Protein backbone atom coordinates (compact mmCIF):
# COMPACT_ATOMS: atom_id res chain seq x y z
CA MET A 1 76.79 121.17 104.62
CA LYS A 2 78.78 124.35 104.20
CA ARG A 3 81.67 124.35 101.77
CA ARG A 4 84.92 125.30 103.50
CA ILE A 5 87.17 127.83 101.76
CA PHE A 6 90.83 127.72 102.73
CA PRO A 7 92.60 131.05 102.77
CA ALA A 8 95.75 131.43 100.62
CA THR A 9 97.97 131.37 103.69
CA ALA A 10 96.64 127.97 104.74
CA ILE A 11 97.21 126.56 101.26
CA GLY A 12 100.72 127.97 101.22
CA LEU A 13 101.45 126.38 104.59
CA ALA A 14 100.17 123.00 103.42
CA LEU A 15 102.34 123.16 100.29
CA ALA A 16 105.37 124.17 102.33
CA LEU A 17 104.85 121.24 104.70
CA GLY A 18 104.54 118.90 101.72
CA PHE A 19 107.81 120.10 100.19
CA SER A 20 109.47 119.88 103.59
CA ALA A 21 108.47 116.25 103.96
CA THR A 22 109.84 115.52 100.49
CA SER A 23 113.18 117.19 101.23
CA MET A 24 113.44 115.38 104.56
CA ALA A 25 113.08 112.07 102.72
CA GLN A 26 116.00 112.94 100.43
CA THR A 27 119.51 111.81 101.39
CA LYS A 28 122.52 113.76 100.13
CA TRP A 29 125.99 112.20 99.97
CA ASP A 30 129.34 113.78 99.20
CA LEU A 31 131.72 111.44 97.37
CA ALA A 32 135.40 112.38 97.64
CA ALA A 33 137.60 111.61 94.61
CA ALA A 34 141.25 112.37 93.89
CA TYR A 35 141.43 112.63 90.11
CA PRO A 36 140.54 115.34 87.55
CA VAL A 37 137.02 115.79 86.19
CA SER A 38 138.26 114.67 82.76
CA ASN A 39 139.70 111.37 84.06
CA PHE A 40 137.73 108.29 83.04
CA HIS A 41 137.39 107.15 86.67
CA THR A 42 135.78 110.48 87.58
CA GLU A 43 133.54 110.44 84.51
CA ASN A 44 132.41 106.97 85.58
CA LEU A 45 131.69 108.26 89.10
CA VAL A 46 129.58 111.10 87.72
CA GLN A 47 127.57 108.67 85.60
CA PHE A 48 127.21 106.39 88.64
CA ALA A 49 125.81 109.29 90.68
CA LYS A 50 123.33 110.12 87.89
CA ASP A 51 122.23 106.50 87.72
CA VAL A 52 121.64 106.40 91.48
CA ASP A 53 119.66 109.64 91.31
CA THR A 54 117.46 108.25 88.53
CA ALA A 55 116.99 104.82 90.10
CA THR A 56 115.99 106.26 93.47
CA ALA A 57 113.77 108.99 91.95
CA GLY A 58 115.96 111.60 93.61
CA LYS A 59 115.86 110.07 97.09
CA LEU A 60 119.64 109.59 97.11
CA LYS A 61 121.71 112.44 95.66
CA ILE A 62 125.46 111.89 95.32
CA THR A 63 127.77 114.85 94.64
CA VAL A 64 131.20 113.91 93.26
CA HIS A 65 134.06 116.13 94.47
CA ALA A 66 136.90 115.56 92.00
CA ASN A 67 140.63 116.38 91.97
CA ALA A 68 141.13 116.02 95.74
CA SER A 69 138.96 119.10 96.32
CA LEU A 70 137.23 117.63 99.38
CA PHE A 71 140.05 115.49 100.81
CA LYS A 72 143.55 114.64 99.59
CA ALA A 73 143.97 111.19 98.05
CA ASN A 74 145.56 109.66 101.14
CA GLU A 75 142.90 111.20 103.43
CA ILE A 76 139.79 109.88 101.66
CA LYS A 77 139.66 106.42 103.24
CA ARG A 78 139.92 107.83 106.76
CA ALA A 79 137.24 110.42 105.93
CA VAL A 80 134.80 107.71 104.79
CA GLN A 81 135.69 105.47 107.72
CA GLY A 82 135.06 108.29 110.18
CA GLY A 83 131.86 109.48 108.51
CA GLN A 84 133.24 112.84 107.37
CA ALA A 85 132.27 111.80 103.85
CA PRO A 86 129.65 109.10 103.27
CA ALA A 87 131.52 107.76 100.22
CA GLY A 88 134.83 108.04 98.44
CA GLU A 89 137.11 106.63 95.76
CA ILE A 90 140.53 105.34 96.81
CA LEU A 91 143.55 103.78 95.17
CA LEU A 92 143.68 100.48 97.03
CA GLY A 93 147.45 100.13 96.91
CA ASN A 94 147.87 103.34 98.90
CA PHE A 95 146.83 101.46 102.02
CA GLU A 96 149.06 98.39 101.84
CA ASN A 97 150.98 99.46 104.94
CA GLU A 98 147.69 99.38 106.84
CA ASN A 99 146.88 95.86 105.62
CA PRO A 100 148.74 93.86 102.92
CA LEU A 101 145.45 92.76 101.31
CA TYR A 102 144.99 96.28 99.96
CA GLY A 103 148.21 96.00 97.97
CA VAL A 104 148.00 92.76 95.99
CA ASP A 105 147.32 94.52 92.68
CA GLY A 106 150.49 96.63 93.07
CA ILE A 107 152.87 93.66 92.77
CA PRO A 108 154.77 94.05 89.47
CA PHE A 109 154.10 91.38 86.83
CA LEU A 110 151.64 89.38 88.93
CA ALA A 111 148.72 90.44 86.70
CA THR A 112 149.68 92.36 83.57
CA SER A 113 146.55 92.26 81.39
CA TYR A 114 142.95 93.28 81.94
CA ALA A 115 141.87 89.63 81.93
CA ASP A 116 144.47 88.71 84.55
CA SER A 117 143.73 91.82 86.62
CA LYS A 118 140.01 90.97 86.64
CA ARG A 119 140.77 87.41 87.76
CA LEU A 120 142.96 88.79 90.54
CA TYR A 121 140.15 91.13 91.59
CA ASP A 122 137.66 88.25 91.61
CA ALA A 123 140.03 86.29 93.87
CA GLN A 124 140.52 89.29 96.15
CA LYS A 125 137.02 90.77 96.27
CA ALA A 126 135.47 88.81 99.15
CA SER A 127 138.49 89.33 101.41
CA LEU A 128 138.59 93.01 100.48
CA ASP A 129 134.94 93.61 101.31
CA LYS A 130 135.34 91.68 104.59
CA LEU A 131 138.37 93.79 105.52
CA LEU A 132 136.53 97.02 104.75
CA GLY A 133 133.60 95.73 106.81
CA THR A 134 135.80 95.36 109.90
CA GLN A 135 136.63 99.07 109.47
CA GLY A 136 133.02 100.20 109.17
CA MET A 137 132.92 100.43 105.38
CA LYS A 138 131.54 98.59 102.38
CA LEU A 139 132.93 98.04 98.88
CA LEU A 140 130.66 99.33 96.13
CA TYR A 141 132.85 98.65 93.09
CA ALA A 142 136.41 98.72 91.78
CA VAL A 143 137.95 99.56 88.40
CA ALA A 144 141.47 99.00 87.10
CA TRP A 145 143.80 101.67 85.77
CA PRO A 146 145.60 101.10 82.46
CA PRO A 147 148.88 99.16 82.73
CA GLN A 148 151.82 100.89 84.42
CA GLY A 149 154.94 102.02 82.58
CA ILE A 150 158.05 104.04 83.41
CA TYR A 151 158.33 107.72 82.49
CA ALA A 152 161.98 108.82 82.38
CA LYS A 153 164.08 111.55 80.80
CA LYS A 154 166.44 109.06 79.16
CA GLU A 155 165.98 105.68 77.52
CA LEU A 156 166.54 102.92 80.06
CA GLY A 157 168.64 99.85 79.32
CA SER A 158 168.27 98.33 82.78
CA VAL A 159 167.29 99.32 86.32
CA ALA A 160 170.90 100.44 86.82
CA ASP A 161 169.95 103.54 84.81
CA LEU A 162 167.47 104.49 87.55
CA ARG A 163 169.86 104.37 90.50
CA GLY A 164 169.90 107.62 92.47
CA ILE A 165 167.10 109.17 90.43
CA LYS A 166 164.24 111.09 92.13
CA TRP A 167 161.40 108.57 91.80
CA ARG A 168 157.76 109.42 92.43
CA ALA A 169 156.31 107.05 95.03
CA TYR A 170 152.53 107.22 95.29
CA SER A 171 152.02 103.94 97.18
CA PRO A 172 153.96 101.51 99.39
CA ALA A 173 154.55 99.32 96.31
CA THR A 174 156.11 102.12 94.24
CA ALA A 175 158.20 103.12 97.26
CA LYS A 176 159.39 99.50 97.54
CA ILE A 177 160.32 99.48 93.86
CA ALA A 178 162.43 102.59 94.45
CA GLU A 179 164.19 100.84 97.31
CA LEU A 180 164.92 97.73 95.24
CA ILE A 181 166.24 99.61 92.20
CA GLY A 182 168.26 102.13 94.21
CA ALA A 183 166.18 105.22 93.34
CA GLN A 184 165.26 108.05 95.72
CA PRO A 185 161.51 107.80 96.56
CA VAL A 186 159.56 111.06 96.72
CA THR A 187 155.91 110.83 97.87
CA ILE A 188 153.76 112.75 95.40
CA GLN A 189 150.03 112.24 94.76
CA ALA A 190 148.45 112.63 91.31
CA ALA A 191 147.05 116.11 91.92
CA GLU A 192 150.58 117.39 92.72
CA LEU A 193 152.51 115.50 90.04
CA SER A 194 152.60 118.12 87.29
CA GLN A 195 154.16 120.75 89.57
CA ALA A 196 156.60 118.23 91.05
CA LEU A 197 157.87 117.35 87.56
CA ALA A 198 158.08 120.98 86.46
CA THR A 199 160.15 121.94 89.52
CA GLY A 200 162.45 118.91 89.41
CA VAL A 201 161.17 117.40 92.65
CA VAL A 202 160.54 114.22 90.62
CA GLU A 203 162.62 112.95 87.67
CA ALA A 204 160.93 109.62 86.93
CA THR A 205 157.71 107.84 87.78
CA MET A 206 155.95 104.56 87.15
CA THR A 207 152.29 105.10 86.38
CA SER A 208 149.65 104.68 83.68
CA GLY A 209 149.15 106.39 80.36
CA SER A 210 146.02 107.90 81.88
CA THR A 211 147.86 109.65 84.71
CA GLY A 212 150.62 110.62 82.30
CA TYR A 213 148.11 112.37 80.08
CA ASP A 214 146.01 113.94 82.85
CA SER A 215 149.11 115.22 84.69
CA LYS A 216 150.75 116.51 81.47
CA ILE A 217 153.91 114.53 82.14
CA TYR A 218 154.79 115.14 78.47
CA GLU A 219 155.63 118.76 79.36
CA SER A 220 158.60 117.59 81.47
CA ILE A 221 159.40 114.02 80.36
CA LYS A 222 159.47 112.70 76.80
CA LEU A 223 159.92 108.92 77.19
CA PHE A 224 157.33 106.35 78.29
CA HIS A 225 158.67 102.80 78.69
CA ASP A 226 155.60 100.61 78.12
CA THR A 227 156.40 97.88 80.67
CA GLN A 228 152.73 97.01 81.36
CA ALA A 229 153.88 95.93 84.82
CA TRP A 230 150.58 95.91 86.74
CA LEU A 231 147.07 97.37 86.76
CA PRO A 232 146.24 99.02 90.11
CA LYS A 233 142.61 99.51 91.05
CA ASN A 234 140.49 102.33 92.36
CA ALA A 235 137.74 101.25 94.75
CA VAL A 236 134.57 103.16 95.55
CA ILE A 237 133.71 102.68 99.21
CA VAL A 238 130.85 103.76 101.43
CA ASN A 239 130.50 104.28 105.17
CA LYS A 240 128.56 101.26 106.46
CA LYS A 241 126.33 103.34 108.78
CA ALA A 242 125.43 105.63 105.89
CA PHE A 243 124.60 102.61 103.73
CA ASP A 244 122.55 100.94 106.47
CA ALA A 245 120.57 104.17 107.01
CA LEU A 246 119.16 103.94 103.47
CA ASP A 247 115.86 102.21 102.88
CA LYS A 248 115.99 98.82 101.13
CA PRO A 249 114.93 100.08 97.67
CA SER A 250 117.65 102.74 97.79
CA GLN A 251 120.25 100.19 98.87
CA ASP A 252 119.26 97.90 96.02
CA ALA A 253 119.40 100.77 93.52
CA LEU A 254 122.84 101.79 94.80
CA LEU A 255 124.22 98.26 94.48
CA LYS A 256 122.76 97.85 90.98
CA ALA A 257 124.30 101.15 89.85
CA SER A 258 127.60 100.05 91.43
CA ALA A 259 127.63 96.80 89.45
CA GLU A 260 126.90 98.71 86.25
CA ALA A 261 129.64 101.26 87.01
CA GLU A 262 132.14 98.45 87.61
CA THR A 263 131.36 96.77 84.27
CA ARG A 264 131.39 100.10 82.43
CA GLY A 265 134.61 101.25 84.12
CA TRP A 266 136.63 98.15 83.22
CA LYS A 267 135.41 98.39 79.62
CA VAL A 268 136.31 102.07 79.28
CA SER A 269 139.70 101.57 80.97
CA ALA A 270 140.62 98.86 78.47
CA GLU A 271 139.34 100.87 75.51
CA LYS A 272 141.24 104.01 76.51
CA THR A 273 144.61 102.32 77.10
CA GLU A 274 145.73 102.65 73.47
CA TRP A 275 144.03 106.04 73.16
CA TYR A 276 146.14 107.43 76.01
CA LYS A 277 149.36 106.20 74.41
CA LYS A 278 148.39 107.79 71.08
CA ALA A 279 147.45 111.02 72.85
CA LEU A 280 150.82 111.07 74.65
CA ALA A 281 152.62 110.50 71.34
CA GLU A 282 150.73 113.41 69.79
CA LYS A 283 152.02 115.58 72.65
CA GLY A 284 155.62 114.66 71.83
CA MET A 285 156.03 111.61 74.06
CA LYS A 286 158.04 108.70 72.65
CA ILE A 287 156.44 105.34 73.50
CA VAL A 288 159.39 102.99 74.07
CA THR A 289 159.37 99.18 73.90
CA PRO A 290 161.38 98.35 77.05
CA ALA A 291 164.82 96.79 76.66
CA PRO A 292 164.91 93.04 77.47
CA LYS A 293 167.37 93.67 80.35
CA LEU A 294 165.08 96.31 81.85
CA MET A 295 162.13 93.91 81.68
CA ALA A 296 164.16 91.06 83.21
CA ASP A 297 165.30 93.35 86.02
CA MET A 298 161.77 94.56 86.72
CA ARG A 299 160.39 91.01 86.70
CA GLN A 300 162.98 90.12 89.32
CA VAL A 301 161.77 93.08 91.38
CA GLY A 302 158.25 91.69 91.04
CA GLU A 303 159.31 88.23 92.26
CA ILE A 304 160.97 89.74 95.34
CA MET A 305 157.89 91.85 96.08
CA LEU A 306 155.50 88.91 95.68
CA ALA A 307 157.53 86.80 98.13
CA ASP A 308 157.62 89.71 100.57
CA TRP A 309 153.89 90.33 100.20
CA LEU A 310 153.02 86.68 100.83
CA LYS A 311 155.00 86.73 104.08
CA LYS A 312 153.12 89.80 105.28
CA ALA A 313 149.67 88.75 104.04
CA GLY A 314 149.75 85.27 105.61
CA PRO A 315 147.03 82.66 104.94
CA ASP A 316 144.56 85.21 103.50
CA GLY A 317 147.15 86.38 100.99
CA GLU A 318 148.12 82.82 100.11
CA ALA A 319 144.45 81.99 99.49
CA ILE A 320 144.08 84.95 97.11
CA ILE A 321 147.15 84.03 95.06
CA THR A 322 146.14 80.35 94.98
CA ALA A 323 142.61 81.21 93.79
CA TYR A 324 144.01 83.62 91.21
CA ARG A 325 146.42 81.05 89.78
CA LYS A 326 143.78 78.31 89.74
CA SER A 327 141.49 80.57 87.70
CA ALA A 328 144.05 80.93 84.91
CA PRO A 329 142.81 79.56 81.58
CA ALA A 330 144.37 76.25 80.59
CA ALA A 331 147.22 76.53 78.14
CA ALA A 332 146.41 75.44 74.62
CA PRO A 333 147.93 72.04 73.74
CA ALA A 334 151.07 72.20 71.66
CA LYS A 335 150.63 71.46 67.98
CA LYS A 336 152.12 68.17 66.82
């Protein structure tokens, strides 16, 4: 039997076909995000993408596009829903006008700690994933922001001190707060906040220490009233068709990495809460303990917003709030 000798061109062709088959088996996803590269949510997304890459042996590559570079914050959900981006990270409360269930974590003083916020998320999660499913999407994971406080140029004694002020509204809930306290709502997303403050378009805002630090609010405003009013959540979502197109091992790896990112994200968010406040103080920001009248006024705002939300959300909303309240730890018995 004669030994066959393959010419170099034939070997090259075979290698090229082999590499082509490998590249065809690889799936590449763009993930649209709205916050800076240095933000802990974005850092968590980047780690998530690395974990997926490792777990799938490179079969699923996710590229994170931070700081609203691919789509603006309020455009990301529609982009994922329509398949323009396979995945994205959204602030759930931004879409409350579309469906009230998206906005439950934006109700002031409903859940004010990480433990309460996690219980609220657990009560909401199944309904949230079902809602996303009806829109052709799937929930991968969600992570809370640090508690929300009020940035203002003067110390606030009550909500009366905010009447007429230019108030940054980044969601239906923050726009509603403006309406209830008599402020002037101005819609500004995180990526545009620094410029809006510098040019006087916005004079006050209610947001986290994280956004305050990332957006350099300390360059324009020197007072942060630490109201700890609520903890909004970012959710990472995926187009359902894109998810279904993955093979089963890749789907499993994606879901495992999502669960790990969720656990890691909540932990980091809680750990960085005090760090952000210290960092703001080092930049010249005064961290203010809110006046009792201001807190009482804001709690009243929260009660009005909860009642309004329950009317809009109907039985599904009632079920979420009931489950959340039932999950509250029992109060310790009073000492005799």
